[in-house]
Amino acid sequence: MKENELKESGTIGEILEQINTLTNRVSVLEKAIAKVGFQGSATRHPSNLSVKPAYSQAEDVKQEGESWLESKLGEIGLGLLGNVVLLFCIIFLMTYTQNLGYRLWPSIIGFASLSAILIFSNFNRNSFPVLTKMLSVSSFLLAYYILLRLHFFVEDPIIGSPGLVVGLLFIPIGFLLYYAVKNKLELVATLAILLIVISALFLNLVHPTLILFVVAAVVSLYLLRQFSWQNMFIISIFVVYICHAIWMWGNPIMGGDGKLLATHHFNIIYLFIYGSIFSSTLILKYKNPIVANLFIAITLINAFCFSLIILANILAFYESDYMLIFILISVYCLVFSALIKLKTSILFVPDFYACFGFMAISVAVYGYFGFPDTYQLLALQSLLVASMALWFRSRIIVVANTFLFVSILIAYLFIEESQSSINFTFAIVALVSARLLNWKKERLTLKTEFFRNIYLLLALGMLLYALHGSMPDKYISLSWIASAGLFFLLSVLLKNVKYRWLGIVAILATIIYLLVVDLAKMDIGYRIVVFLFLAVLSISISVYYTKRAKKKNNTIST
């Protein structure tokens, strides 16, 4: 009994000891949990844990979004505002000391401020990365302004040579470009391009200024090729052409009178260089993919700006001898369109360059030959355009060519006196163009006969009009009957029903003309001949259709 009691008391003591050990461990765990933010036993008990409702979670997400927006607005927005205000503050201080009559102090203040900004940015670039980037860009702009004031916009310049100062301006511009490339900042690169062309205007020397415009275009092209900065490149196109126009209008930025220059200074050469640089984007290879629509935008913007300034040049300097300019434009556009077609798979752009080139040819033709001979030559050019459309497999060129052909024909009919050679040229060109469209319509993937029908109707109308104007009055009806016979012959040879329809329309037109015009004034002998020819032709056509219908019925029955 005593041994059993001792065993039981020993077991109870061990249990109590283990309970005390566990209690101590739980106390340690509670203290550790309390240190990381969990306090009280209620927090630790599972029954007191609950899941937030959905609306509470949405509120948390909303608060997090607002917190992010507030953080970004405070870090970036206010930082940017502070940089701009600081920059203007330094500029105002420099201007104030300049107005007080101090010659060197504005530059000293500017360089001291620049040094302070650079030192602050260098020591805090890890702690405040966004702010120091903004300060770095501001320091480059401040350096540009300080160097600019060494000669420009001051009554007593420190440096007398504007060329030397403009050369110094390219030091901060270079740092700005380097910073943009290093940190992949498209906006900073755009700012650097803008400073290049502005510096060129400050220089205000003819060829150095224009050369710097070319430099800006080349730099923008390089940045587009390396980093695909599309917005920067589009802005650069506008900036270069606009600054060229400002230079042409006397550079009012540097105190010019705002009038066109007295001489051209061969600035048109630089325009061709700009256009070539911006156009070369279409055939270059890029490290990063480019959106296809960018090429269309570049093409349209480049063509629009180039055309406006070329037009201003022609009206100001080349009003009587502009033909060579348009020949050069046409050669460049046609060759370049063929190059794009052969080397790339870009859509629309080759067609646009081809149409632009043919329009330039039209202007050159007008300049050399004048009206009315130009109408005949432009009609023949339409055949060349149609041939180009077949090679390019371009419906766009077909549409544009048809529109221009109809417009030129309408202008000729309403403005100029009728000339037989021009009338027949329009008729033949329309007939051949319709044949070309039918011959190679699979290359053009034309799903409609609309454009071909337009050419055929124009061919019929111009042929009857040409015969009416070139034949003596008593032979007009006979010539129209002969044209109807020609169309029926073509329908047999080419096995095409459309020419038969043209023949039928020609016969109807002849009958109407006979009844309304010829019947009242022709003599009896000629009247007999005309009606005999018309009867023979009509009966022959009727016999042809009768045999054709019988042959078709026999084929169906068998």
Protein backbone atom coordinates (compact mmCIF):
# COMPACT_ATOMS: atom_id res chain seq x y z
CA MET A 1 0.00 0.00 0.00
CA LYS A 2 2.75 2.37 0.96
CA GLU A 3 4.61 1.62 -2.29
CA ASN A 4 1.47 2.32 -4.34
CA GLU A 5 0.91 5.60 -2.54
CA LEU A 6 4.50 6.66 -3.19
CA LYS A 7 4.15 5.83 -6.88
CA GLU A 8 0.94 7.86 -7.17
CA SER A 9 2.45 10.85 -5.36
CA GLY A 10 5.49 10.74 -7.66
CA THR A 11 3.32 10.66 -10.76
CA ILE A 12 1.26 13.64 -9.56
CA GLY A 13 4.42 15.60 -8.89
CA GLU A 14 5.71 14.99 -12.41
CA ILE A 15 2.41 16.09 -13.89
CA LEU A 16 2.41 19.30 -11.86
CA GLU A 17 5.98 19.99 -12.90
CA GLN A 18 5.08 19.55 -16.61
CA ILE A 19 2.06 21.83 -16.18
CA ASN A 20 4.29 24.52 -14.69
CA THR A 21 6.72 24.13 -17.59
CA LEU A 22 3.91 24.48 -20.13
CA THR A 23 2.56 27.53 -18.30
CA ASN A 24 5.94 29.19 -18.46
CA ARG A 25 6.22 28.47 -22.19
CA VAL A 26 2.75 29.93 -22.88
CA SER A 27 3.70 33.06 -20.96
CA VAL A 28 6.81 33.46 -23.09
CA LEU A 29 4.76 33.03 -26.27
CA GLU A 30 2.19 35.62 -25.12
CA LYS A 31 4.93 38.14 -24.47
CA ALA A 32 6.44 37.52 -27.92
CA ILE A 33 3.06 37.91 -29.61
CA ALA A 34 2.38 41.11 -27.70
CA LYS A 35 5.61 42.60 -29.04
CA VAL A 36 4.42 42.25 -32.70
CA GLY A 37 1.11 43.91 -32.05
CA PHE A 38 -1.19 41.20 -30.81
CA GLN A 39 -2.41 42.12 -27.35
CA GLY A 40 -4.90 40.42 -25.05
CA SER A 41 -6.26 36.92 -24.95
CA ALA A 42 -9.35 37.88 -26.97
CA THR A 43 -7.20 38.54 -30.01
CA ARG A 44 -5.61 35.13 -29.74
CA HIS A 45 -8.86 33.21 -29.30
CA PRO A 46 -10.20 31.75 -32.58
CA SER A 47 -13.78 32.55 -31.65
CA ASN A 48 -13.01 36.24 -31.72
CA LEU A 49 -11.52 36.16 -35.29
CA SER A 50 -13.86 37.40 -38.01
CA VAL A 51 -13.72 38.04 -41.80
CA LYS A 52 -14.35 41.58 -43.02
CA PRO A 53 -17.45 41.99 -45.18
CA ALA A 54 -17.07 42.70 -48.94
CA TYR A 55 -17.93 46.40 -48.68
CA SER A 56 -15.23 46.81 -46.01
CA GLN A 57 -12.66 45.19 -48.29
CA ALA A 58 -13.71 47.52 -51.16
CA GLU A 59 -13.26 50.48 -48.84
CA ASP A 60 -9.77 49.25 -48.00
CA VAL A 61 -8.91 48.96 -51.72
CA LYS A 62 -10.29 52.43 -52.35
CA GLN A 63 -8.28 53.85 -49.47
CA GLU A 64 -5.16 52.13 -50.78
CA GLY A 65 -5.76 53.62 -54.28
CA GLU A 66 -6.30 57.07 -52.83
CA SER A 67 -3.19 56.64 -50.73
CA TRP A 68 -1.18 55.66 -53.83
CA LEU A 69 -2.53 58.65 -55.80
CA GLU A 70 -1.80 60.97 -52.91
CA SER A 71 1.71 59.55 -52.61
CA LYS A 72 2.46 59.94 -56.30
CA LEU A 73 0.95 63.42 -56.44
CA GLY A 74 3.00 64.46 -53.48
CA GLU A 75 6.23 62.85 -54.68
CA ILE A 76 6.08 63.58 -58.42
CA GLY A 77 3.56 66.39 -58.85
CA LEU A 78 4.73 68.64 -56.05
CA GLY A 79 8.34 67.72 -56.79
CA LEU A 80 7.91 68.85 -60.37
CA LEU A 81 6.16 72.02 -59.27
CA GLY A 82 8.94 72.74 -56.80
CA ASN A 83 11.60 72.27 -59.50
CA VAL A 84 9.85 74.65 -61.86
CA VAL A 85 9.37 77.26 -59.13
CA LEU A 86 13.00 76.92 -58.05
CA LEU A 87 14.20 77.33 -61.63
CA PHE A 88 12.13 80.47 -62.14
CA CYS A 89 13.22 81.81 -58.79
CA ILE A 90 16.89 81.58 -59.81
CA ILE A 91 16.13 83.13 -63.19
CA PHE A 92 14.26 86.02 -61.56
CA LEU A 93 17.14 86.56 -59.14
CA MET A 94 19.63 86.66 -62.02
CA THR A 95 17.43 89.11 -63.92
CA TYR A 96 17.02 91.28 -60.81
CA THR A 97 20.78 91.58 -60.26
CA GLN A 98 21.21 92.29 -63.97
CA ASN A 99 18.70 95.15 -63.75
CA LEU A 100 20.63 96.57 -60.80
CA GLY A 101 23.55 97.08 -63.15
CA TYR A 102 25.76 94.18 -62.14
CA ARG A 103 27.42 92.55 -65.13
CA LEU A 104 29.02 89.43 -63.64
CA TRP A 105 26.89 88.77 -60.57
CA PRO A 106 23.96 87.18 -62.50
CA SER A 107 26.30 84.55 -63.93
CA ILE A 108 27.98 84.03 -60.54
CA ILE A 109 24.60 83.54 -58.86
CA GLY A 110 23.53 81.17 -61.63
CA PHE A 111 26.65 79.01 -61.43
CA ALA A 112 26.51 78.98 -57.60
CA SER A 113 22.89 77.83 -57.70
CA LEU A 114 23.75 75.22 -60.31
CA SER A 115 26.57 73.89 -58.13
CA ALA A 116 24.29 73.68 -55.10
CA ILE A 117 21.64 71.76 -57.05
CA LEU A 118 24.21 69.32 -58.44
CA ILE A 119 25.76 68.71 -55.00
CA PHE A 120 22.36 68.12 -53.42
CA SER A 121 21.35 65.74 -56.22
CA ASN A 122 24.58 63.79 -56.00
CA PHE A 123 24.42 63.24 -52.22
CA ASN A 124 20.71 62.39 -52.13
CA ARG A 125 20.23 60.34 -55.29
CA ASN A 126 19.62 57.16 -53.26
CA SER A 127 17.36 58.74 -50.65
CA PHE A 128 15.22 60.78 -53.07
CA PRO A 129 15.61 59.16 -56.54
CA VAL A 130 12.60 60.86 -58.18
CA LEU A 131 13.37 64.31 -56.81
CA THR A 132 17.05 64.11 -57.74
CA LYS A 133 16.17 63.13 -61.33
CA MET A 134 13.99 66.22 -61.61
CA LEU A 135 16.73 68.35 -60.09
CA SER A 136 19.25 66.94 -62.55
CA VAL A 137 17.07 67.94 -65.52
CA SER A 138 16.50 71.37 -63.94
CA SER A 139 20.26 71.79 -63.54
CA PHE A 140 20.81 71.14 -67.26
CA LEU A 141 18.13 73.69 -68.15
CA LEU A 142 19.62 76.20 -65.72
CA ALA A 143 23.07 75.68 -67.22
CA TYR A 144 21.58 76.29 -70.68
CA TYR A 145 20.01 79.55 -69.52
CA ILE A 146 23.19 80.74 -67.76
CA LEU A 147 25.30 80.12 -70.86
CA LEU A 148 22.65 81.71 -73.08
CA ARG A 149 22.83 84.95 -71.08
CA LEU A 150 26.55 85.23 -71.70
CA HIS A 151 25.67 86.83 -75.04
CA PHE A 152 21.93 86.82 -75.76
CA PHE A 153 19.21 89.00 -74.22
CA VAL A 154 21.65 91.24 -72.30
CA GLU A 155 22.77 94.76 -73.14
CA ASP A 156 26.44 94.20 -72.27
CA PRO A 157 27.32 90.58 -73.17
CA ILE A 158 30.21 88.89 -71.42
CA ILE A 159 31.10 86.91 -74.56
CA GLY A 160 30.88 88.85 -77.80
CA SER A 161 30.74 85.90 -80.21
CA PRO A 162 27.24 84.38 -80.66
CA GLY A 163 28.74 81.33 -82.38
CA LEU A 164 30.92 80.57 -79.35
CA VAL A 165 27.98 80.85 -76.98
CA VAL A 166 25.80 78.60 -79.15
CA GLY A 167 28.66 76.11 -79.16
CA LEU A 168 28.73 76.25 -75.36
CA LEU A 169 24.97 75.67 -75.29
CA PHE A 170 25.52 72.22 -76.72
CA ILE A 171 27.33 71.19 -73.52
CA PRO A 172 24.13 71.09 -71.40
CA ILE A 173 22.20 69.80 -74.43
CA GLY A 174 24.68 66.93 -74.70
CA PHE A 175 24.35 66.13 -71.00
CA LEU A 176 20.57 66.28 -71.35
CA LEU A 177 20.65 63.77 -74.22
CA TYR A 178 23.03 61.51 -72.32
CA TYR A 179 20.81 61.63 -69.26
CA ALA A 180 17.72 60.85 -71.36
CA VAL A 181 19.39 57.86 -73.02
CA LYS A 182 20.86 56.54 -69.77
CA ASN A 183 17.56 56.71 -67.89
CA LYS A 184 15.28 55.97 -70.89
CA LEU A 185 13.41 59.28 -70.54
CA GLU A 186 11.53 60.12 -73.75
CA LEU A 187 10.29 63.48 -72.48
CA VAL A 188 13.82 64.64 -71.63
CA ALA A 189 15.02 63.58 -75.09
CA THR A 190 12.18 65.57 -76.67
CA LEU A 191 13.26 68.58 -74.62
CA ALA A 192 16.83 68.18 -75.87
CA ILE A 193 15.66 68.13 -79.53
CA LEU A 194 13.66 71.29 -78.88
CA LEU A 195 16.73 73.01 -77.40
CA ILE A 196 18.80 72.09 -80.48
CA VAL A 197 16.45 73.82 -82.91
CA ILE A 198 15.96 76.80 -80.56
CA SER A 199 19.74 77.18 -80.34
CA ALA A 200 19.85 77.16 -84.14
CA LEU A 201 17.40 80.07 -84.20
CA PHE A 202 19.50 81.94 -81.62
CA LEU A 203 22.54 81.51 -83.87
CA ASN A 204 20.60 83.19 -86.71
CA LEU A 205 23.13 82.39 -89.43
CA VAL A 206 21.75 80.97 -92.68
CA HIS A 207 23.52 77.69 -93.30
CA PRO A 208 24.69 76.93 -89.72
CA THR A 209 21.11 77.36 -88.57
CA LEU A 210 19.76 75.05 -91.25
CA ILE A 211 22.50 72.50 -90.58
CA LEU A 212 21.50 72.40 -86.92
CA PHE A 213 17.92 71.69 -88.01
CA VAL A 214 19.31 68.72 -89.92
CA VAL A 215 21.23 67.64 -86.80
CA ALA A 216 18.00 67.70 -84.79
CA ALA A 217 16.30 65.53 -87.41
CA VAL A 218 19.18 63.03 -87.41
CA VAL A 219 19.25 62.82 -83.59
CA SER A 220 15.49 62.21 -83.46
CA LEU A 221 15.83 59.47 -86.07
CA TYR A 222 18.62 57.80 -84.08
CA LEU A 223 16.57 57.89 -80.86
CA LEU A 224 13.54 56.44 -82.65
CA ARG A 225 15.64 53.60 -84.05
CA GLN A 226 17.30 52.82 -80.72
CA PHE A 227 14.42 53.28 -78.27
CA SER A 228 11.23 53.49 -80.42
CA TRP A 229 10.32 56.86 -78.91
CA GLN A 230 7.42 57.52 -81.23
CA ASN A 231 5.95 60.62 -79.60
CA MET A 232 9.39 62.25 -79.54
CA PHE A 233 9.81 61.65 -83.26
CA ILE A 234 6.38 63.01 -84.21
CA ILE A 235 7.03 66.15 -82.16
CA SER A 236 10.48 66.49 -83.76
CA ILE A 237 8.96 66.52 -87.26
CA PHE A 238 6.67 69.40 -86.32
CA VAL A 239 9.43 71.27 -84.47
CA VAL A 240 11.96 71.09 -87.32
CA TYR A 241 9.51 72.24 -90.00
CA ILE A 242 7.98 74.95 -87.81
CA CYS A 243 11.41 76.36 -86.92
CA HIS A 244 12.37 76.30 -90.60
CA ALA A 245 9.23 78.33 -91.33
CA ILE A 246 10.13 80.77 -88.52
CA TRP A 247 13.58 81.17 -90.06
CA MET A 248 12.02 81.80 -93.51
CA TRP A 249 9.83 84.52 -92.04
CA GLY A 250 12.81 86.52 -90.86
CA ASN A 251 13.28 84.80 -87.46
CA PRO A 252 11.21 87.17 -85.29
CA ILE A 253 12.63 85.42 -82.20
CA MET A 254 15.88 87.30 -82.84
CA GLY A 255 14.18 90.58 -83.69
CA GLY A 256 13.30 89.92 -87.32
CA ASP A 257 10.51 91.78 -89.09
CA GLY A 258 8.36 88.68 -89.62
CA LYS A 259 8.52 88.98 -93.42
CA LEU A 260 9.73 86.40 -95.90
CA LEU A 261 13.43 86.45 -96.70
CA ALA A 262 14.53 88.42 -99.73
CA THR A 263 16.51 85.48 -101.17
CA HIS A 264 15.99 81.74 -100.94
CA HIS A 265 19.54 80.85 -99.78
CA PHE A 266 18.96 77.42 -101.35
CA ASN A 267 16.94 76.45 -98.29
CA ILE A 268 14.94 74.06 -100.43
CA ILE A 269 17.92 71.68 -100.37
CA TYR A 270 17.58 71.42 -96.61
CA LEU A 271 13.86 70.75 -96.97
CA PHE A 272 14.65 67.75 -99.16
CA ILE A 273 17.15 66.58 -96.54
CA TYR A 274 14.55 66.84 -93.75
CA GLY A 275 12.01 64.98 -95.83
CA SER A 276 14.49 62.23 -96.69
CA ILE A 277 15.55 61.79 -93.06
CA PHE A 278 11.99 61.54 -91.80
CA SER A 279 11.00 59.24 -94.68
CA SER A 280 13.88 56.88 -94.03
CA THR A 281 12.04 55.61 -90.96
CA LEU A 282 10.06 53.42 -93.34
CA ILE A 283 13.02 51.31 -94.47
CA LEU A 284 15.12 51.13 -91.29
CA LYS A 285 15.27 48.24 -88.85
CA TYR A 286 14.43 48.85 -85.21
CA LYS A 287 15.56 47.26 -81.97
CA ASN A 288 12.03 47.41 -80.58
CA PRO A 289 8.76 46.85 -82.48
CA ILE A 290 7.08 49.90 -83.98
CA VAL A 291 3.32 50.33 -84.27
CA ALA A 292 2.34 50.10 -87.95
CA ASN A 293 0.11 53.16 -87.69
CA LEU A 294 3.18 55.22 -86.78
CA PHE A 295 4.51 54.89 -90.32
CA ILE A 296 1.24 56.19 -91.73
CA ALA A 297 1.27 59.10 -89.29
CA ILE A 298 4.91 59.95 -90.12
CA THR A 299 4.17 59.81 -93.84
CA LEU A 300 1.13 62.09 -93.65
CA ILE A 301 2.70 64.61 -91.25
CA ASN A 302 5.98 64.74 -93.18
CA ALA A 303 4.17 65.18 -96.52
CA PHE A 304 1.87 67.87 -95.12
CA CYS A 305 4.64 69.96 -93.52
CA PHE A 306 6.98 69.51 -96.48
CA SER A 307 4.26 70.54 -98.95
CA LEU A 308 3.36 73.69 -97.03
CA ILE A 309 6.93 74.99 -96.86
CA ILE A 310 7.68 73.97 -100.47
CA LEU A 311 4.57 75.89 -101.53
CA ALA A 312 5.75 78.94 -99.57
CA ASN A 313 9.16 78.69 -101.27
CA ILE A 314 7.62 78.45 -104.72
CA LEU A 315 5.29 81.40 -104.20
CA ALA A 316 8.14 83.49 -102.79
CA PHE A 317 11.17 82.50 -104.88
CA TYR A 318 10.31 80.06 -107.71
CA GLU A 319 7.02 81.29 -109.13
CA SER A 320 8.21 81.04 -112.75
CA ASP A 321 10.65 78.12 -112.60
CA TYR A 322 9.21 75.58 -110.19
CA MET A 323 9.00 72.69 -112.68
CA LEU A 324 12.41 71.21 -111.84
CA ILE A 325 11.48 71.14 -108.15
CA PHE A 326 8.38 69.07 -108.84
CA ILE A 327 10.26 66.76 -111.18
CA LEU A 328 12.75 66.07 -108.37
CA ILE A 329 9.87 65.47 -105.95
CA SER A 330 8.19 63.07 -108.37
CA VAL A 331 11.39 61.11 -109.06
CA TYR A 332 12.15 60.80 -105.35
CA CYS A 333 8.60 59.75 -104.44
CA LEU A 334 8.27 57.17 -107.22
CA VAL A 335 11.68 55.62 -106.57
CA PHE A 336 11.11 55.62 -102.83
CA SER A 337 7.64 54.09 -103.20
CA ALA A 338 9.12 51.26 -105.27
CA LEU A 339 11.85 50.77 -102.65
CA ILE A 340 9.28 50.56 -99.84
CA LYS A 341 7.22 48.11 -101.87
CA LEU A 342 10.21 45.85 -102.53
CA LYS A 343 11.89 46.03 -99.11
CA THR A 344 8.98 46.17 -96.67
CA SER A 345 5.46 44.89 -96.13
CA ILE A 346 4.04 48.24 -95.04
CA LEU A 347 0.56 48.91 -96.39
CA PHE A 348 -0.83 52.20 -97.76
CA VAL A 349 2.47 54.10 -97.52
CA PRO A 350 3.95 53.00 -100.91
CA ASP A 351 0.64 53.87 -102.57
CA PHE A 352 0.67 57.30 -100.95
CA TYR A 353 4.20 58.06 -102.14
CA ALA A 354 3.31 56.90 -105.66
CA CYS A 355 0.20 59.12 -105.77
CA PHE A 356 2.20 62.05 -104.38
CA GLY A 357 4.85 61.51 -107.06
CA PHE A 358 2.29 61.44 -109.88
CA MET A 359 0.66 64.61 -108.57
CA ALA A 360 4.09 66.27 -108.67
CA ILE A 361 4.48 65.12 -112.30
CA SER A 362 1.10 66.70 -113.10
CA VAL A 363 2.21 70.04 -111.67
CA ALA A 364 5.49 69.87 -113.62
CA VAL A 365 3.62 69.05 -116.84
CA TYR A 366 1.37 72.06 -116.33
CA GLY A 367 4.39 74.27 -115.71
CA TYR A 368 6.12 73.22 -118.92
CA PHE A 369 3.16 73.01 -121.34
CA GLY A 370 0.26 74.98 -119.87
CA PHE A 371 -3.35 74.57 -120.88
CA PRO A 372 -4.91 73.09 -122.98
CA ASP A 373 -2.03 70.74 -123.93
CA THR A 374 -1.71 69.68 -120.30
CA TYR A 375 -5.10 67.94 -120.44
CA GLN A 376 -3.93 65.59 -123.16
CA LEU A 377 -0.67 64.79 -121.36
CA LEU A 378 -2.42 64.25 -118.04
CA ALA A 379 -4.83 61.85 -119.72
CA LEU A 380 -1.85 59.85 -121.05
CA GLN A 381 -0.26 59.97 -117.60
CA SER A 382 -3.36 58.24 -116.29
CA LEU A 383 -2.32 55.13 -118.21
CA LEU A 384 1.07 55.21 -116.50
CA VAL A 385 -0.64 55.47 -113.11
CA ALA A 386 -2.91 52.54 -113.95
CA SER A 387 0.15 50.47 -114.87
CA MET A 388 1.78 51.39 -111.56
CA ALA A 389 -1.40 50.34 -109.76
CA LEU A 390 -1.17 46.90 -111.39
CA TRP A 391 2.43 46.46 -110.26
CA PHE A 392 1.67 47.68 -106.73
CA ARG A 393 -1.58 45.69 -106.64
CA SER A 394 -3.07 48.83 -105.16
CA ARG A 395 -6.76 49.64 -105.09
CA ILE A 396 -5.88 52.99 -103.50
CA ILE A 397 -3.99 54.09 -106.62
CA VAL A 398 -6.88 52.91 -108.80
CA VAL A 399 -9.38 54.97 -106.81
CA ALA A 400 -7.14 58.05 -106.78
CA ASN A 401 -6.38 57.74 -110.50
CA THR A 402 -10.04 57.36 -111.40
CA PHE A 403 -10.97 60.40 -109.33
CA LEU A 404 -8.22 62.54 -110.89
CA PHE A 405 -9.06 61.36 -114.42
CA VAL A 406 -12.73 62.27 -114.00
CA SER A 407 -11.81 65.62 -112.40
CA ILE A 408 -9.42 66.52 -115.22
CA LEU A 409 -12.02 65.53 -117.82
CA ILE A 410 -14.73 67.64 -116.18
CA ALA A 411 -12.35 70.61 -115.93
CA TYR A 412 -11.49 70.26 -119.60
CA LEU A 413 -15.12 70.03 -120.73
CA PHE A 414 -16.23 73.07 -118.74
CA ILE A 415 -13.18 75.33 -119.06
CA GLU A 416 -11.46 74.71 -122.39
CA GLU A 417 -12.73 74.78 -125.96
CA SER A 418 -13.17 71.39 -127.53
CA GLN A 419 -10.17 69.97 -129.42
CA SER A 420 -10.48 66.76 -131.40
CA SER A 421 -7.07 65.39 -130.49
CA ILE A 422 -7.74 65.85 -126.77
CA ASN A 423 -11.23 64.36 -127.08
CA PHE A 424 -9.96 61.23 -128.81
CA THR A 425 -7.11 60.95 -126.29
CA PHE A 426 -9.54 60.90 -123.39
CA ALA A 427 -11.69 58.29 -125.16
CA ILE A 428 -8.75 56.01 -125.97
CA VAL A 429 -7.20 56.35 -122.51
CA ALA A 430 -10.54 55.52 -120.84
CA LEU A 431 -11.00 52.48 -123.10
CA VAL A 432 -7.47 51.18 -122.49
CA SER A 433 -7.71 51.83 -118.74
CA ALA A 434 -10.92 49.81 -118.55
CA ARG A 435 -9.20 47.00 -120.44
CA LEU A 436 -6.23 47.08 -118.07
CA LEU A 437 -8.48 46.85 -115.01
CA ASN A 438 -10.29 43.86 -116.50
CA TRP A 439 -7.09 42.19 -117.69
CA LYS A 440 -5.37 42.19 -114.29
CA LYS A 441 -8.28 42.63 -111.90
CA GLU A 442 -7.16 39.61 -109.88
CA ARG A 443 -3.90 41.46 -109.05
CA LEU A 444 -5.90 44.40 -107.72
CA THR A 445 -8.32 42.14 -105.83
CA LEU A 446 -11.15 44.32 -107.11
CA LYS A 447 -14.48 42.99 -105.94
CA THR A 448 -16.58 45.39 -108.01
CA GLU A 449 -16.83 46.48 -111.62
CA PHE A 450 -17.61 50.05 -110.58
CA PHE A 451 -14.35 51.70 -111.68
CA ARG A 452 -14.18 49.75 -114.92
CA ASN A 453 -17.76 50.71 -115.73
CA ILE A 454 -16.88 54.37 -115.15
CA TYR A 455 -14.03 54.15 -117.64
CA LEU A 456 -16.21 52.38 -120.22
CA LEU A 457 -18.98 54.97 -119.95
CA LEU A 458 -16.44 57.78 -120.23
CA ALA A 459 -14.90 56.08 -123.27
CA LEU A 460 -18.30 55.86 -124.99
CA GLY A 461 -19.27 59.42 -124.14
CA MET A 462 -15.93 60.94 -125.19
CA LEU A 463 -15.83 58.90 -128.40
CA LEU A 464 -19.28 60.15 -129.46
CA TYR A 465 -18.31 63.67 -128.35
CA ALA A 466 -15.05 63.51 -130.30
CA LEU A 467 -16.81 62.26 -133.45
CA HIS A 468 -19.42 64.97 -133.10
CA GLY A 469 -16.74 67.64 -132.94
CA SER A 470 -14.44 66.30 -135.65
CA MET A 471 -16.88 65.06 -138.33
CA PRO A 472 -18.92 67.19 -140.74
CA ASP A 473 -22.53 67.50 -139.68
CA LYS A 474 -23.89 65.08 -142.27
CA TYR A 475 -21.46 62.34 -141.24
CA ILE A 476 -22.02 62.48 -137.48
CA SER A 477 -24.77 59.87 -137.43
CA LEU A 478 -22.81 57.53 -139.72
CA SER A 479 -19.73 57.84 -137.49
CA TRP A 480 -21.79 57.04 -134.42
CA ILE A 481 -23.22 53.97 -136.19
CA ALA A 482 -19.65 52.93 -137.03
CA SER A 483 -18.64 53.34 -133.35
CA ALA A 484 -21.54 51.07 -132.35
CA GLY A 485 -20.29 48.48 -134.84
CA LEU A 486 -16.77 48.83 -133.36
CA PHE A 487 -18.07 48.08 -129.88
CA PHE A 488 -19.92 44.99 -131.08
CA LEU A 489 -16.78 43.82 -132.85
CA LEU A 490 -14.79 44.27 -129.63
CA SER A 491 -17.39 42.28 -127.71
CA VAL A 492 -16.92 39.37 -130.14
CA LEU A 493 -13.13 39.54 -130.13
CA LEU A 494 -12.77 40.01 -126.38
CA LYS A 495 -15.82 37.91 -125.49
CA ASN A 496 -17.10 40.55 -123.13
CA VAL A 497 -20.73 41.56 -122.79
CA LYS A 498 -19.96 45.10 -121.61
CA TYR A 499 -18.87 46.17 -125.09
CA ARG A 500 -22.18 44.95 -126.51
CA TRP A 501 -23.97 47.17 -124.02
CA LEU A 502 -21.84 50.08 -125.20
CA GLY A 503 -22.82 49.29 -128.79
CA ILE A 504 -26.51 49.21 -127.88
CA VAL A 505 -26.22 52.56 -126.07
CA ALA A 506 -24.41 54.01 -129.11
CA ILE A 507 -27.26 52.85 -131.40
CA LEU A 508 -29.88 54.39 -129.11
CA ALA A 509 -27.91 57.65 -129.00
CA THR A 510 -27.72 57.60 -132.82
CA ILE A 511 -31.47 57.09 -133.16
CA ILE A 512 -32.20 59.95 -130.77
CA TYR A 513 -29.74 62.22 -132.61
CA LEU A 514 -31.31 61.29 -135.96
CA LEU A 515 -34.83 62.04 -134.78
CA VAL A 516 -34.02 65.24 -132.91
CA VAL A 517 -31.27 66.84 -135.02
CA ASP A 518 -30.48 65.22 -138.37
CA LEU A 519 -33.97 64.38 -139.59
CA ALA A 520 -34.97 68.03 -139.94
CA LYS A 521 -31.95 69.21 -141.95
CA MET A 522 -30.45 66.26 -143.92
CA ASP A 523 -31.32 65.75 -147.61
CA ILE A 524 -33.30 62.74 -148.78
CA GLY A 525 -30.35 60.85 -150.28
CA TYR A 526 -28.22 61.04 -147.18
CA ARG A 527 -31.23 60.22 -145.06
CA ILE A 528 -31.72 56.98 -147.02
CA VAL A 529 -28.07 55.99 -146.57
CA VAL A 530 -28.06 56.64 -142.83
CA PHE A 531 -31.28 54.76 -142.20
CA LEU A 532 -30.06 51.87 -144.36
CA PHE A 533 -26.85 51.53 -142.38
CA LEU A 534 -28.74 51.76 -139.12
CA ALA A 535 -31.24 49.14 -140.27
CA VAL A 536 -28.53 46.73 -141.44
CA LEU A 537 -26.64 47.09 -138.17
CA SER A 538 -29.76 46.68 -136.04
CA ILE A 539 -30.94 43.60 -137.99
CA SER A 540 -27.47 42.06 -137.85
CA ILE A 541 -27.35 42.52 -134.10
CA SER A 542 -30.84 41.09 -133.77
CA VAL A 543 -29.83 38.02 -135.82
CA TYR A 544 -26.76 37.60 -133.59
CA TYR A 545 -28.85 37.65 -130.41
CA THR A 546 -31.42 35.23 -131.97
CA LYS A 547 -28.73 32.68 -132.85
CA ARG A 548 -27.12 33.15 -129.44
CA ALA A 549 -30.46 32.53 -127.68
CA LYS A 550 -31.14 29.37 -129.77
CA LYS A 551 -27.67 28.04 -129.05
CA LYS A 552 -28.18 28.62 -125.34
CA ASN A 553 -31.61 26.87 -125.41
CA ASN A 554 -30.21 23.86 -127.28
CA THR A 555 -27.40 23.56 -124.74
CA ILE A 556 -29.89 23.62 -121.87
CA SER A 557 -32.19 21.03 -123.48
CA THR A 558 -29.36 18.60 -124.13
